[in-house]
PDB file of N, CA and C in Angstrom:
ATOM      1  N   UNK A   1      95.166-115.320  79.693  1.00  0.00           N
ATOM      2  CA  UNK A   1      95.476-116.293  78.659  1.00  0.00           C
ATOM      3  C   UNK A   1      94.923-115.789  77.329  1.00  0.00           C
ATOM      4  N   UNK A   2      95.709-115.879  76.305  1.00  0.00           N
ATOM      5  CA  UNK A   2      95.227-115.429  75.002  1.00  0.00           C
ATOM      6  C   UNK A   2      94.349-116.514  74.381  1.00  0.00           C
ATOM      7  N   UNK A   3      93.462-116.158  73.464  1.00  0.00           N
ATOM      8  CA  UNK A   3      92.534-117.121  72.871  1.00  0.00           C
ATOM      9  C   UNK A   3      93.230-118.304  72.211  1.00  0.00           C
ATOM     10  N   UNK A   4      94.340-118.081  71.538  1.00  0.00           N
ATOM     11  CA  UNK A   4      95.035-119.168  70.865  1.00  0.00           C
ATOM     12  C   UNK A   4      95.594-120.161  71.883  1.00  0.00           C
ATOM     13  N   UNK A   5      96.125-119.678  72.965  1.00  0.00           N
ATOM     14  CA  UNK A   5      96.674-120.536  74.010  1.00  0.00           C
ATOM     15  C   UNK A   5      95.565-121.347  74.673  1.00  0.00           C
ATOM     16  N   UNK A   6      94.406-120.740  74.846  1.00  0.00           N
ATOM     17  CA  UNK A   6      93.274-121.435  75.448  1.00  0.00           C
ATOM     18  C   UNK A   6      92.788-122.557  74.533  1.00  0.00           C
ATOM     19  N   UNK A   7      92.725-122.282  73.224  1.00  0.00           N
ATOM     20  CA  UNK A   7      92.324-123.314  72.271  1.00  0.00           C
ATOM     21  C   UNK A   7      93.306-124.476  72.292  1.00  0.00           C
ATOM     22  N   UNK A   8      94.583-124.146  72.356  1.00  0.00           N
ATOM     23  CA  UNK A   8      95.611-125.191  72.405  1.00  0.00           C
ATOM     24  C   UNK A   8      95.464-126.043  73.665  1.00  0.00           C
ATOM     25  N   UNK A   9      95.175-125.404  74.770  1.00  0.00           N
ATOM     26  CA  UNK A   9      95.002-126.133  76.031  1.00  0.00           C
ATOM     27  C   UNK A   9      93.792-127.062  75.976  1.00  0.00           C
ATOM     28  N   UNK A  10      92.700-126.587  75.378  1.00  0.00           N
ATOM     29  CA  UNK A  10      91.492-127.398  75.257  1.00  0.00           C
ATOM     30  C   UNK A  10      91.746-128.589  74.340  1.00  0.00           C
ATOM     31  N   UNK A  11      92.407-128.353  73.219  1.00  0.00           N
ATOM     32  CA  UNK A  11      92.718-129.435  72.288  1.00  0.00           C
ATOM     33  C   UNK A  11      93.628-130.459  72.953  1.00  0.00           C
ATOM     34  N   UNK A  12      94.641-129.999  73.672  1.00  0.00           N
ATOM     35  CA  UNK A  12      95.549-130.910  74.375  1.00  0.00           C
ATOM     36  C   UNK A  12      94.793-131.735  75.418  1.00  0.00           C
ATOM     37  N   UNK A  13      93.882-131.114  76.141  1.00  0.00           N
ATOM     38  CA  UNK A  13      93.097-131.833  77.154  1.00  0.00           C
ATOM     39  C   UNK A  13      92.219-132.904  76.512  1.00  0.00           C
ATOM     40  N   UNK A  14      91.590-132.557  75.389  1.00  0.00           N
ATOM     41  CA  UNK A  14      90.729-133.519  74.696  1.00  0.00           C
ATOM     42  C   UNK A  14      91.550-134.685  74.167  1.00  0.00           C
ATOM     43  N   UNK A  15      92.684-134.402  73.555  1.00  0.00           N
ATOM     44  CA  UNK A  15      93.554-135.471  73.042  1.00  0.00           C
ATOM     45  C   UNK A  15      94.033-136.389  74.160  1.00  0.00           C
ATOM     46  N   UNK A  16      94.362-135.821  75.302  1.00  0.00           N
ATOM     47  CA  UNK A  16      94.785-136.622  76.447  1.00  0.00           C
ATOM     48  C   UNK A  16      93.677-137.557  76.896  1.00  0.00           C
ATOM     49  N   UNK A  17      92.456-137.054  76.979  1.00  0.00           N
ATOM     50  CA  UNK A  17      91.331-137.889  77.382  1.00  0.00           C
ATOM     51  C   UNK A  17      91.064-138.998  76.375  1.00  0.00           C
ATOM     52  N   UNK A  18      91.180-138.692  75.088  1.00  0.00           N
ATOM     53  CA  UNK A  18      90.965-139.704  74.052  1.00  0.00           C
ATOM     54  C   UNK A  18      92.005-140.809  74.178  1.00  0.00           C
ATOM     55  N   UNK A  19      93.267-140.441  74.331  1.00  0.00           N
ATOM     56  CA  UNK A  19      94.333-141.445  74.449  1.00  0.00           C
ATOM     57  C   UNK A  19      94.137-142.293  75.695  1.00  0.00           C
ATOM     58  N   UNK A  20      93.819-141.684  76.805  1.00  0.00           N
ATOM     59  CA  UNK A  20      93.605-142.445  78.039  1.00  0.00           C
ATOM     60  C   UNK A  20      92.362-143.317  77.944  1.00  0.00           C
ATOM     61  N   UNK A  21      91.340-142.839  77.265  1.00  0.00           N
ATOM     62  CA  UNK A  21      90.105-143.598  77.114  1.00  0.00           C
ATOM     63  C   UNK A  21      90.266-144.815  76.229  1.00  0.00           C
ATOM     64  N   UNK A  22      91.235-144.804  75.339  1.00  0.00           N
ATOM     65  CA  UNK A  22      91.447-145.929  74.432  1.00  0.00           C
ATOM     66  C   UNK A  22      92.287-147.035  75.054  1.00  0.00           C
ATOM     67  N   UNK A  23      92.916-146.781  76.164  1.00  0.00           N
ATOM     68  CA  UNK A  23      93.758-147.778  76.798  1.00  0.00           C
ATOM     69  C   UNK A  23      92.887-148.714  77.621  1.00  0.00           C
ATOM     70  N   UNK A  24      92.836-149.975  77.236  1.00  0.00           N
ATOM     71  CA  UNK A  24      92.003-150.967  77.908  1.00  0.00           C
ATOM     72  C   UNK A  24      92.902-151.969  78.613  1.00  0.00           C
ATOM     73  N   UNK A  25      93.287-151.664  79.855  1.00  0.00           N
ATOM     74  CA  UNK A  25      94.211-152.511  80.607  1.00  0.00           C
ATOM     75  C   UNK A  25      93.669-153.910  80.838  1.00  0.00           C
ATOM     76  N   UNK A  26      92.357-154.069  80.882  1.00  0.00           N
ATOM     77  CA  UNK A  26      91.772-155.374  81.178  1.00  0.00           C
ATOM     78  C   UNK A  26      91.618-156.265  79.952  1.00  0.00           C
ATOM     79  N   UNK A  27      91.892-155.756  78.759  1.00  0.00           N
ATOM     80  CA  UNK A  27      91.633-156.555  77.575  1.00  0.00           C
ATOM     81  C   UNK A  27      92.816-157.414  77.160  1.00  0.00           C
ATOM     82  N   UNK A  28      93.999-157.146  77.679  1.00  0.00           N
ATOM     83  CA  UNK A  28      95.156-157.935  77.290  1.00  0.00           C
ATOM     84  C   UNK A  28      96.156-158.005  78.428  1.00  0.00           C
ATOM     85  N   UNK A  29      96.894-159.053  78.454  1.00  0.00           N
ATOM     86  CA  UNK A  29      97.968-159.194  79.419  1.00  0.00           C
ATOM     87  C   UNK A  29      99.245-158.686  78.786  1.00  0.00           C
ATOM     88  N   UNK A  30     100.328-158.819  79.498  1.00  0.00           N
ATOM     89  CA  UNK A  30     101.637-158.513  78.955  1.00  0.00           C
ATOM     90  C   UNK A  30     101.748-159.162  77.580  1.00  0.00           C
ATOM     91  N   UNK A  31     102.210-158.421  76.609  1.00  0.00           N
ATOM     92  CA  UNK A  31     102.250-158.946  75.242  1.00  0.00           C
ATOM     93  C   UNK A  31     103.149-160.166  75.112  1.00  0.00           C
ATOM     94  N   UNK A  32     104.008-160.403  76.079  1.00  0.00           N
ATOM     95  CA  UNK A  32     104.873-161.576  76.052  1.00  0.00           C
ATOM     96  C   UNK A  32     104.246-162.774  76.773  1.00  0.00           C
ATOM     97  N   UNK A  33     103.082-162.587  77.372  1.00  0.00           N
ATOM     98  CA  UNK A  33     102.418-163.646  78.149  1.00  0.00           C
ATOM     99  C   UNK A  33     101.835-164.702  77.230  1.00  0.00           C
ATOM    100  N   UNK A  34     102.307-165.920  77.381  1.00  0.00           N
ATOM    101  CA  UNK A  34     101.781-167.037  76.600  1.00  0.00           C
ATOM    102  C   UNK A  34     101.163-168.063  77.533  1.00  0.00           C
ATOM    103  N   UNK A  35     100.162-168.744  77.003  1.00  0.00           N
ATOM    104  CA  UNK A  35      99.489-169.801  77.742  1.00  0.00           C
ATOM    105  C   UNK A  35      99.594-171.092  76.952  1.00  0.00           C
ATOM    106  N   UNK A  36      99.714-172.200  77.662  1.00  0.00           N
ATOM    107  CA  UNK A  36      99.670-173.504  77.024  1.00  0.00           C
ATOM    108  C   UNK A  36      98.223-173.967  77.030  1.00  0.00           C
ATOM    109  N   UNK A  37      97.732-174.369  75.850  1.00  0.00           N
ATOM    110  CA  UNK A  37      96.359-174.846  75.721  1.00  0.00           C
ATOM    111  C   UNK A  37      96.337-176.110  74.875  1.00  0.00           C
ATOM    112  N   UNK A  38      95.232-176.840  75.005  1.00  0.00           N
ATOM    113  CA  UNK A  38      94.971-177.992  74.149  1.00  0.00           C
ATOM    114  C   UNK A  38      93.659-177.748  73.421  1.00  0.00           C
ATOM    115  N   UNK A  39      93.655-177.992  72.122  1.00  0.00           N
ATOM    116  CA  UNK A  39      92.409-177.894  71.352  1.00  0.00           C
ATOM    117  C   UNK A  39      91.585-179.128  71.715  1.00  0.00           C
ATOM    118  N   UNK A  40      90.422-178.904  72.327  1.00  0.00           N
ATOM    119  CA  UNK A  40      89.607-180.038  72.778  1.00  0.00           C
ATOM    120  C   UNK A  40      88.459-180.345  71.821  1.00  0.00           C
ATOM    121  N   UNK A  41      88.114-179.396  70.991  1.00  0.00           N
ATOM    122  CA  UNK A  41      87.092-179.630  69.977  1.00  0.00           C
ATOM    123  C   UNK A  41      87.332-178.613  68.871  1.00  0.00           C
ATOM    124  N   UNK A  42      87.786-179.089  67.731  1.00  0.00           N
ATOM    125  CA  UNK A  42      88.226-178.191  66.672  1.00  0.00           C
ATOM    126  C   UNK A  42      87.092-177.436  65.973  1.00  0.00           C
ATOM    127  N   UNK A  43      85.878-177.935  66.075  1.00  0.00           N
ATOM    128  CA  UNK A  43      84.753-177.286  65.410  1.00  0.00           C
ATOM    129  C   UNK A  43      83.479-177.613  66.165  1.00  0.00           C
ATOM    130  N   UNK A  44      83.340-177.030  67.332  1.00  0.00           N
ATOM    131  CA  UNK A  44      82.230-177.356  68.225  1.00  0.00           C
ATOM    132  C   UNK A  44      80.910-176.816  67.681  1.00  0.00           C
ATOM    133  N   UNK A  45      80.021-177.706  67.275  1.00  0.00           N
ATOM    134  CA  UNK A  45      78.736-177.265  66.722  1.00  0.00           C
ATOM    135  C   UNK A  45      77.891-176.538  67.756  1.00  0.00           C
ATOM    136  N   UNK A  46      78.128-176.763  69.050  1.00  0.00           N
ATOM    137  CA  UNK A  46      77.352-176.066  70.071  1.00  0.00           C
ATOM    138  C   UNK A  46      77.869-174.657  70.303  1.00  0.00           C
ATOM    139  N   UNK A  47      79.022-174.322  69.723  1.00  0.00           N
ATOM    140  CA  UNK A  47      79.613-173.000  69.931  1.00  0.00           C
ATOM    141  C   UNK A  47      79.738-172.244  68.615  1.00  0.00           C
ATOM    142  N   UNK A  48      78.772-172.411  67.751  1.00  0.00           N
ATOM    143  CA  UNK A  48      78.741-171.699  66.471  1.00  0.00           C
ATOM    144  C   UNK A  48      79.962-172.001  65.617  1.00  0.00           C
ATOM    145  N   UNK A  49      80.489-173.186  65.732  1.00  0.00           N
ATOM    146  CA  UNK A  49      81.613-173.582  64.907  1.00  0.00           C
ATOM    147  C   UNK A  49      82.967-173.117  65.386  1.00  0.00           C
ATOM    148  N   UNK A  50      83.032-172.460  66.529  1.00  0.00           N
ATOM    149  CA  UNK A  50      84.322-172.024  67.057  1.00  0.00           C
ATOM    150  C   UNK A  50      85.026-173.195  67.740  1.00  0.00           C
ATOM    151  N   UNK A  51      86.346-173.248  67.634  1.00  0.00           N
ATOM    152  CA  UNK A  51      87.072-174.305  68.335  1.00  0.00           C
ATOM    153  C   UNK A  51      87.065-174.051  69.839  1.00  0.00           C
ATOM    154  N   UNK A  52      87.127-175.123  70.595  1.00  0.00           N
ATOM    155  CA  UNK A  52      87.240-175.026  72.044  1.00  0.00           C
ATOM    156  C   UNK A  52      88.665-175.342  72.446  1.00  0.00           C
ATOM    157  N   UNK A  53      89.193-174.519  73.352  1.00  0.00           N
ATOM    158  CA  UNK A  53      90.537-174.759  73.876  1.00  0.00           C
ATOM    159  C   UNK A  53      90.460-174.873  75.390  1.00  0.00           C
ATOM    160  N   UNK A  54      91.359-175.665  75.938  1.00  0.00           N
ATOM    161  CA  UNK A  54      91.432-175.845  77.383  1.00  0.00           C
ATOM    162  C   UNK A  54      92.788-175.342  77.862  1.00  0.00           C
ATOM    163  N   UNK A  55      92.772-174.371  78.763  1.00  0.00           N
ATOM    164  CA  UNK A  55      94.004-173.849  79.341  1.00  0.00           C
ATOM    165  C   UNK A  55      94.533-174.862  80.354  1.00  0.00           C
ATOM    166  N   UNK A  56      95.826-175.154  80.284  1.00  0.00           N
ATOM    167  CA  UNK A  56      96.416-176.182  81.142  1.00  0.00           C
ATOM    168  C   UNK A  56      97.399-175.626  82.156  1.00  0.00           C
ATOM    169  N   UNK A  57      97.619-174.329  82.134  1.00  0.00           N
ATOM    170  CA  UNK A  57      98.518-173.693  83.102  1.00  0.00           C
ATOM    171  C   UNK A  57      98.109-172.240  83.293  1.00  0.00           C
ATOM    172  N   UNK A  58      98.654-171.607  84.302  1.00  0.00           N
ATOM    173  CA  UNK A  58      98.395-170.188  84.595  1.00  0.00           C
ATOM    174  C   UNK A  58      96.899-169.897  84.672  1.00  0.00           C
ATOM    175  N   UNK A  59      96.162-170.811  85.288  1.00  0.00           N
ATOM    176  CA  UNK A  59      94.705-170.658  85.349  1.00  0.00           C
ATOM    177  C   UNK A  59      94.298-169.400  86.106  1.00  0.00           C
ATOM    178  N   UNK A  60      95.063-169.016  87.123  1.00  0.00           N
ATOM    179  CA  UNK A  60      94.733-167.801  87.859  1.00  0.00           C
ATOM    180  C   UNK A  60      94.836-166.570  86.965  1.00  0.00           C
ATOM    181  N   UNK A  61      95.800-166.546  86.067  1.00  0.00           N
ATOM    182  CA  UNK A  61      95.957-165.393  85.170  1.00  0.00           C
ATOM    183  C   UNK A  61      94.845-165.333  84.133  1.00  0.00           C
ATOM    184  N   UNK A  62      94.474-166.477  83.577  1.00  0.00           N
ATOM    185  CA  UNK A  62      93.397-166.445  82.575  1.00  0.00           C
ATOM    186  C   UNK A  62      92.059-166.105  83.243  1.00  0.00           C
ATOM    187  N   UNK A  63      91.878-166.523  84.477  1.00  0.00           N
ATOM    188  CA  UNK A  63      90.648-166.171  85.206  1.00  0.00           C
ATOM    189  C   UNK A  63      90.609-164.682  85.525  1.00  0.00           C
ATOM    190  N   UNK A  64      91.768-164.118  85.875  1.00  0.00           N
ATOM    191  CA  UNK A  64      91.828-162.670  86.112  1.00  0.00           C
ATOM    192  C   UNK A  64      91.532-161.892  84.833  1.00  0.00           C
ATOM    193  N   UNK A  65      92.056-162.365  83.716  1.00  0.00           N
ATOM    194  CA  UNK A  65      91.861-161.697  82.428  1.00  0.00           C
ATOM    195  C   UNK A  65      90.402-161.730  81.982  1.00  0.00           C
ATOM    196  N   UNK A  66      89.756-162.879  82.162  1.00  0.00           N
ATOM    197  CA  UNK A  66      88.406-163.072  81.617  1.00  0.00           C
ATOM    198  C   UNK A  66      87.284-162.877  82.630  1.00  0.00           C
ATOM    199  N   UNK A  67      87.625-162.831  83.892  1.00  0.00           N
ATOM    200  CA  UNK A  67      86.616-162.764  84.964  1.00  0.00           C
ATOM    201  C   UNK A  67      85.703-163.983  84.946  1.00  0.00           C
ATOM    202  N   UNK A  68      86.238-165.130  84.526  1.00  0.00           N
ATOM    203  CA  UNK A  68      85.485-166.380  84.476  1.00  0.00           C
ATOM    204  C   UNK A  68      86.255-167.457  85.213  1.00  0.00           C
ATOM    205  N   UNK A  69      85.544-168.457  85.731  1.00  0.00           N
ATOM    206  CA  UNK A  69      86.166-169.552  86.465  1.00  0.00           C
ATOM    207  C   UNK A  69      86.524-170.746  85.594  1.00  0.00           C
ATOM    208  N   UNK A  70      85.984-170.793  84.399  1.00  0.00           N
ATOM    209  CA  UNK A  70      86.212-171.933  83.516  1.00  0.00           C
ATOM    210  C   UNK A  70      87.662-171.968  83.034  1.00  0.00           C
ATOM    211  N   UNK A  71      88.078-173.152  82.570  1.00  0.00           N
ATOM    212  CA  UNK A  71      89.389-173.279  81.927  1.00  0.00           C
ATOM    213  C   UNK A  71      89.225-173.625  80.443  1.00  0.00           C
ATOM    214  N   UNK A  72      87.983-173.855  80.000  1.00  0.00           N
ATOM    215  CA  UNK A  72      87.686-174.138  78.593  1.00  0.00           C
ATOM    216  C   UNK A  72      86.991-172.926  77.994  1.00  0.00           C
ATOM    217  N   UNK A  73      87.467-172.521  76.800  1.00  0.00           N
ATOM    218  CA  UNK A  73      86.966-171.302  76.159  1.00  0.00           C
ATOM    219  C   UNK A  73      86.777-171.517  74.665  1.00  0.00           C
ATOM    220  N   UNK A  74      85.856-170.755  74.081  1.00  0.00           N
ATOM    221  CA  UNK A  74      85.788-170.633  72.629  1.00  0.00           C
ATOM    222  C   UNK A  74      87.001-169.823  72.204  1.00  0.00           C
ATOM    223  N   UNK A  75      87.687-170.274  71.169  1.00  0.00           N
ATOM    224  CA  UNK A  75      88.899-169.601  70.688  1.00  0.00           C
ATOM    225  C   UNK A  75      88.561-168.762  69.462  1.00  0.00           C
ATOM    226  N   UNK A  76      88.159-167.535  69.693  1.00  0.00           N
ATOM    227  CA  UNK A  76      87.802-166.622  68.619  1.00  0.00           C
ATOM    228  C   UNK A  76      89.074-166.199  67.886  1.00  0.00           C
ATOM    229  N   UNK A  77      89.046-166.271  66.570  1.00  0.00           N
ATOM    230  CA  UNK A  77      90.136-165.904  65.669  1.00  0.00           C
ATOM    231  C   UNK A  77      91.315-166.882  65.685  1.00  0.00           C
ATOM    232  N   UNK A  78      91.104-168.099  66.196  1.00  0.00           N
ATOM    233  CA  UNK A  78      92.151-169.116  66.077  1.00  0.00           C
ATOM    234  C   UNK A  78      92.204-169.546  64.621  1.00  0.00           C
ATOM    235  N   UNK A  79      93.389-169.464  64.027  1.00  0.00           N
ATOM    236  CA  UNK A  79      93.547-169.786  62.605  1.00  0.00           C
ATOM    237  C   UNK A  79      93.194-171.243  62.330  1.00  0.00           C
ATOM    238  N   UNK A  80      92.690-171.465  61.150  1.00  0.00           N
ATOM    239  CA  UNK A  80      92.240-172.795  60.717  1.00  0.00           C
ATOM    240  C   UNK A  80      93.335-173.855  60.863  1.00  0.00           C
ATOM    241  N   UNK A  81      94.563-173.491  60.607  1.00  0.00           N
ATOM    242  CA  UNK A  81      95.674-174.448  60.656  1.00  0.00           C
ATOM    243  C   UNK A  81      95.921-175.024  62.055  1.00  0.00           C
ATOM    244  N   UNK A  82      95.381-174.355  63.089  1.00  0.00           N
ATOM    245  CA  UNK A  82      95.553-174.827  64.463  1.00  0.00           C
ATOM    246  C   UNK A  82      94.312-175.549  64.993  1.00  0.00           C
ATOM    247  N   UNK A  83      93.309-175.716  64.170  1.00  0.00           N
ATOM    248  CA  UNK A  83      92.058-176.346  64.599  1.00  0.00           C
ATOM    249  C   UNK A  83      92.129-177.864  64.419  1.00  0.00           C
ATOM    250  N   UNK A  84      92.932-178.491  65.254  1.00  0.00           N
ATOM    251  CA  UNK A  84      93.137-179.942  65.210  1.00  0.00           C
ATOM    252  C   UNK A  84      92.940-180.476  66.624  1.00  0.00           C
ATOM    253  N   UNK A  85      91.971-181.372  66.793  1.00  0.00           N
ATOM    254  CA  UNK A  85      91.697-181.931  68.123  1.00  0.00           C
ATOM    255  C   UNK A  85      92.966-182.521  68.723  1.00  0.00           C
ATOM    256  N   UNK A  86      93.211-182.185  69.992  1.00  0.00           N
ATOM    257  CA  UNK A  86      94.358-182.714  70.717  1.00  0.00           C
ATOM    258  C   UNK A  86      95.651-181.936  70.514  1.00  0.00           C
ATOM    259  N   UNK A  87      95.660-180.965  69.611  1.00  0.00           N
ATOM    260  CA  UNK A  87      96.859-180.189  69.340  1.00  0.00           C
ATOM    261  C   UNK A  87      97.193-179.307  70.539  1.00  0.00           C
ATOM    262  N   UNK A  88      98.457-179.299  70.945  1.00  0.00           N
ATOM    263  CA  UNK A  88      98.917-178.440  72.043  1.00  0.00           C
ATOM    264  C   UNK A  88      99.532-177.188  71.436  1.00  0.00           C
ATOM    265  N   UNK A  89      99.115-176.045  71.980  1.00  0.00           N
ATOM    266  CA  UNK A  89      99.542-174.754  71.464  1.00  0.00           C
ATOM    267  C   UNK A  89     100.061-173.856  72.576  1.00  0.00           C
ATOM    268  N   UNK A  90     100.906-172.922  72.200  1.00  0.00           N
ATOM    269  CA  UNK A  90     101.242-171.765  73.032  1.00  0.00           C
ATOM    270  C   UNK A  90     100.525-170.613  72.357  1.00  0.00           C
ATOM    271  N   UNK A  91      99.711-169.882  73.127  1.00  0.00           N
ATOM    272  CA  UNK A  91      98.936-168.792  72.543  1.00  0.00           C
ATOM    273  C   UNK A  91      99.031-167.534  73.382  1.00  0.00           C
ATOM    274  N   UNK A  92      98.797-166.425  72.727  1.00  0.00           N
ATOM    275  CA  UNK A  92      98.613-165.137  73.385  1.00  0.00           C
ATOM    276  C   UNK A  92      97.158-164.765  73.158  1.00  0.00           C
ATOM    277  N   UNK A  93      96.498-164.288  74.195  1.00  0.00           N
ATOM    278  CA  UNK A  93      95.066-163.975  74.098  1.00  0.00           C
ATOM    279  C   UNK A  93      94.750-162.651  74.764  1.00  0.00           C
ATOM    280  N   UNK A  94      93.560-162.199  74.479  1.00  0.00           N
ATOM    281  CA  UNK A  94      92.968-161.073  75.206  1.00  0.00           C
ATOM    282  C   UNK A  94      91.507-161.408  75.436  1.00  0.00           C
ATOM    283  N   UNK A  95      90.900-160.678  76.326  1.00  0.00           N
ATOM    284  CA  UNK A  95      89.471-160.838  76.574  1.00  0.00           C
ATOM    285  C   UNK A  95      88.718-160.379  75.328  1.00  0.00           C
ATOM    286  N   UNK A  96      87.759-161.151  74.898  1.00  0.00           N
ATOM    287  CA  UNK A  96      86.959-160.801  73.729  1.00  0.00           C
ATOM    288  C   UNK A  96      86.029-159.650  74.091  1.00  0.00           C
ATOM    289  N   UNK A  97      86.020-158.644  73.235  1.00  0.00           N
ATOM    290  CA  UNK A  97      85.154-157.489  73.466  1.00  0.00           C
ATOM    291  C   UNK A  97      83.707-157.851  73.148  1.00  0.00           C
ATOM    292  N   UNK A  98      82.787-157.183  73.800  1.00  0.00           N
ATOM    293  CA  UNK A  98      81.362-157.439  73.577  1.00  0.00           C
ATOM    294  C   UNK A  98      80.961-157.251  72.122  1.00  0.00           C
ATOM    295  N   UNK A  99      81.573-156.288  71.435  1.00  0.00           N
ATOM    296  CA  UNK A  99      81.194-156.039  70.042  1.00  0.00           C
ATOM    297  C   UNK A  99      81.725-157.109  69.086  1.00  0.00           C
ATOM    298  N   UNK A 100      82.573-158.015  69.574  1.00  0.00           N
ATOM    299  CA  UNK A 100      83.088-159.107  68.750  1.00  0.00           C
ATOM    300  C   UNK A 100      82.260-160.384  68.885  1.00  0.00           C
ATOM    301  N   UNK A 101      81.475-160.473  69.937  1.00  0.00           N
ATOM    302  CA  UNK A 101      80.695-161.672  70.170  1.00  0.00           C
ATOM    303  C   UNK A 101      79.651-161.846  69.075  1.00  0.00           C
ATOM    304  N   UNK A 102      79.560-163.045  68.562  1.00  0.00           N
ATOM    305  CA  UNK A 102      78.616-163.348  67.486  1.00  0.00           C
ATOM    306  C   UNK A 102      77.328-163.916  68.062  1.00  0.00           C
ATOM    307  N   UNK A 103      76.221-163.613  67.433  1.00  0.00           N
ATOM    308  CA  UNK A 103      74.943-164.200  67.817  1.00  0.00           C
ATOM    309  C   UNK A 103      74.968-165.674  67.443  1.00  0.00           C
ATOM    310  N   UNK A 104      74.626-166.514  68.399  1.00  0.00           N
ATOM    311  CA  UNK A 104      74.667-167.954  68.147  1.00  0.00           C
ATOM    312  C   UNK A 104      73.509-168.619  68.870  1.00  0.00           C
ATOM    313  N   UNK A 105      72.963-169.607  68.235  1.00  0.00           N
ATOM    314  CA  UNK A 105      71.906-170.391  68.852  1.00  0.00           C
ATOM    315  C   UNK A 105      72.505-171.731  69.257  1.00  0.00           C
ATOM    316  N   UNK A 106      73.140-171.740  70.417  1.00  0.00           N
ATOM    317  CA  UNK A 106      73.846-172.929  70.852  1.00  0.00           C
ATOM    318  C   UNK A 106      72.881-174.012  71.277  1.00  0.00           C
ATOM    319  N   UNK A 107      73.341-175.246  71.125  1.00  0.00           N
ATOM    320  CA  UNK A 107      72.528-176.400  71.469  1.00  0.00           C
ATOM    321  C   UNK A 107      72.941-176.994  72.818  1.00  0.00           C
ATOM    322  N   UNK A 108      73.973-176.478  73.416  1.00  0.00           N
ATOM    323  CA  UNK A 108      74.469-177.046  74.663  1.00  0.00           C
ATOM    324  C   UNK A 108      75.083-175.966  75.526  1.00  0.00           C
ATOM    325  N   UNK A 109      76.181-176.311  76.176  1.00  0.00           N
ATOM    326  CA  UNK A 109      76.873-175.383  77.067  1.00  0.00           C
ATOM    327  C   UNK A 109      77.385-174.197  76.262  1.00  0.00           C
ATOM    328  N   UNK A 110      77.194-173.015  76.796  1.00  0.00           N
ATOM    329  CA  UNK A 110      77.738-171.817  76.180  1.00  0.00           C
ATOM    330  C   UNK A 110      79.052-171.492  76.877  1.00  0.00           C
ATOM    331  N   UNK A 111      80.148-171.648  76.155  1.00  0.00           N
ATOM    332  CA  UNK A 111      81.471-171.426  76.725  1.00  0.00           C
ATOM    333  C   UNK A 111      81.861-169.955  76.618  1.00  0.00           C
ATOM    334  N   UNK A 112      82.643-169.465  77.573  1.00  0.00           N
ATOM    335  CA  UNK A 112      83.151-168.098  77.454  1.00  0.00           C
ATOM    336  C   UNK A 112      84.155-168.013  76.302  1.00  0.00           C
ATOM    337  N   UNK A 113      84.428-166.795  75.854  1.00  0.00           N
ATOM    338  CA  UNK A 113      85.302-166.565  74.709  1.00  0.00           C
ATOM    339  C   UNK A 113      86.615-165.907  75.127  1.00  0.00           C
ATOM    340  N   UNK A 114      87.674-166.207  74.391  1.00  0.00           N
ATOM    341  CA  UNK A 114      88.911-165.415  74.393  1.00  0.00           C
ATOM    342  C   UNK A 114      89.274-165.178  72.932  1.00  0.00           C
ATOM    343  N   UNK A 115      89.925-164.066  72.676  1.00  0.00           N
ATOM    344  CA  UNK A 115      90.374-163.750  71.325  1.00  0.00           C
ATOM    345  C   UNK A 115      91.852-164.114  71.219  1.00  0.00           C
ATOM    346  N   UNK A 116      92.170-164.947  70.255  1.00  0.00           N
ATOM    347  CA  UNK A 116      93.543-165.414  70.059  1.00  0.00           C
ATOM    348  C   UNK A 116      94.306-164.383  69.243  1.00  0.00           C
ATOM    349  N   UNK A 117      95.399-163.892  69.809  1.00  0.00           N
ATOM    350  CA  UNK A 117      96.239-162.909  69.130  1.00  0.00           C
ATOM    351  C   UNK A 117      97.361-163.572  68.337  1.00  0.00           C
ATOM    352  N   UNK A 118      97.851-164.681  68.879  1.00  0.00           N
ATOM    353  CA  UNK A 118      98.978-165.371  68.256  1.00  0.00           C
ATOM    354  C   UNK A 118      98.955-166.808  68.752  1.00  0.00           C
ATOM    355  N   UNK A 119      99.374-167.732  67.902  1.00  0.00           N
ATOM    356  CA  UNK A 119      99.434-169.142  68.298  1.00  0.00           C
ATOM    357  C   UNK A 119     100.607-169.818  67.605  1.00  0.00           C
ATOM    358  N   UNK A 120     101.158-170.797  68.300  1.00  0.00           N
ATOM    359  CA  UNK A 120     102.204-171.634  67.709  1.00  0.00           C
ATOM    360  C   UNK A 120     102.099-173.018  68.323  1.00  0.00           C
ATOM    361  N   UNK A 121     102.516-174.011  67.566  1.00  0.00           N
ATOM    362  CA  UNK A 121     102.450-175.388  68.027  1.00  0.00           C
ATOM    363  C   UNK A 121     103.559-175.645  69.035  1.00  0.00           C
ATOM    364  N   UNK A 122     103.215-176.364  70.117  1.00  0.00           N
ATOM    365  CA  UNK A 122     104.214-176.737  71.115  1.00  0.00           C
ATOM    366  C   UNK A 122     104.990-177.919  70.575  1.00  0.00           C
ATOM    367  N   UNK A 123     106.300-177.815  70.608  1.00  0.00           N
ATOM    368  CA  UNK A 123     107.154-178.919  70.130  1.00  0.00           C
ATOM    369  C   UNK A 123     107.288-180.001  71.175  1.00  0.00           C
TER     370      UNK A 123
END
C-alpha cells in the first residue's frame, strides 16, 4: 500500500467512526411519532419553572424512550404559547440529554424530563 492510500484509509476509518458515534438511536423515536399530552401544570415551581405534561397514550413507547415508568414529565423546550393548564397537545419528543439538564433546587417531586421537538394544539 502506498503512503497516500494508507492515509486515505485511516481518514476514512476515522470519519466512519465519528459518524457512527454521533448517531444516538435512543434519543429520539421515529421523527413522525407524535404523542398526545395534557399540560397539567404550566409553570411548576417544584420543577424549576418547567411545565409538566402528562402522556395519555402510547405509554409503552414513552417508557421505552425515557427508561422511566412515569407518565408525567417536565417538558423541556416547550414553547411559552403552549404553557396553558389543561391544554391538549400533539408533540414530538426525545430523551433529554444529561448535558441539557438544569441544576434545580426542587421543593417536591422531581419529575423526569423530555425535550419537546415540536408541538401543536389538538383540535
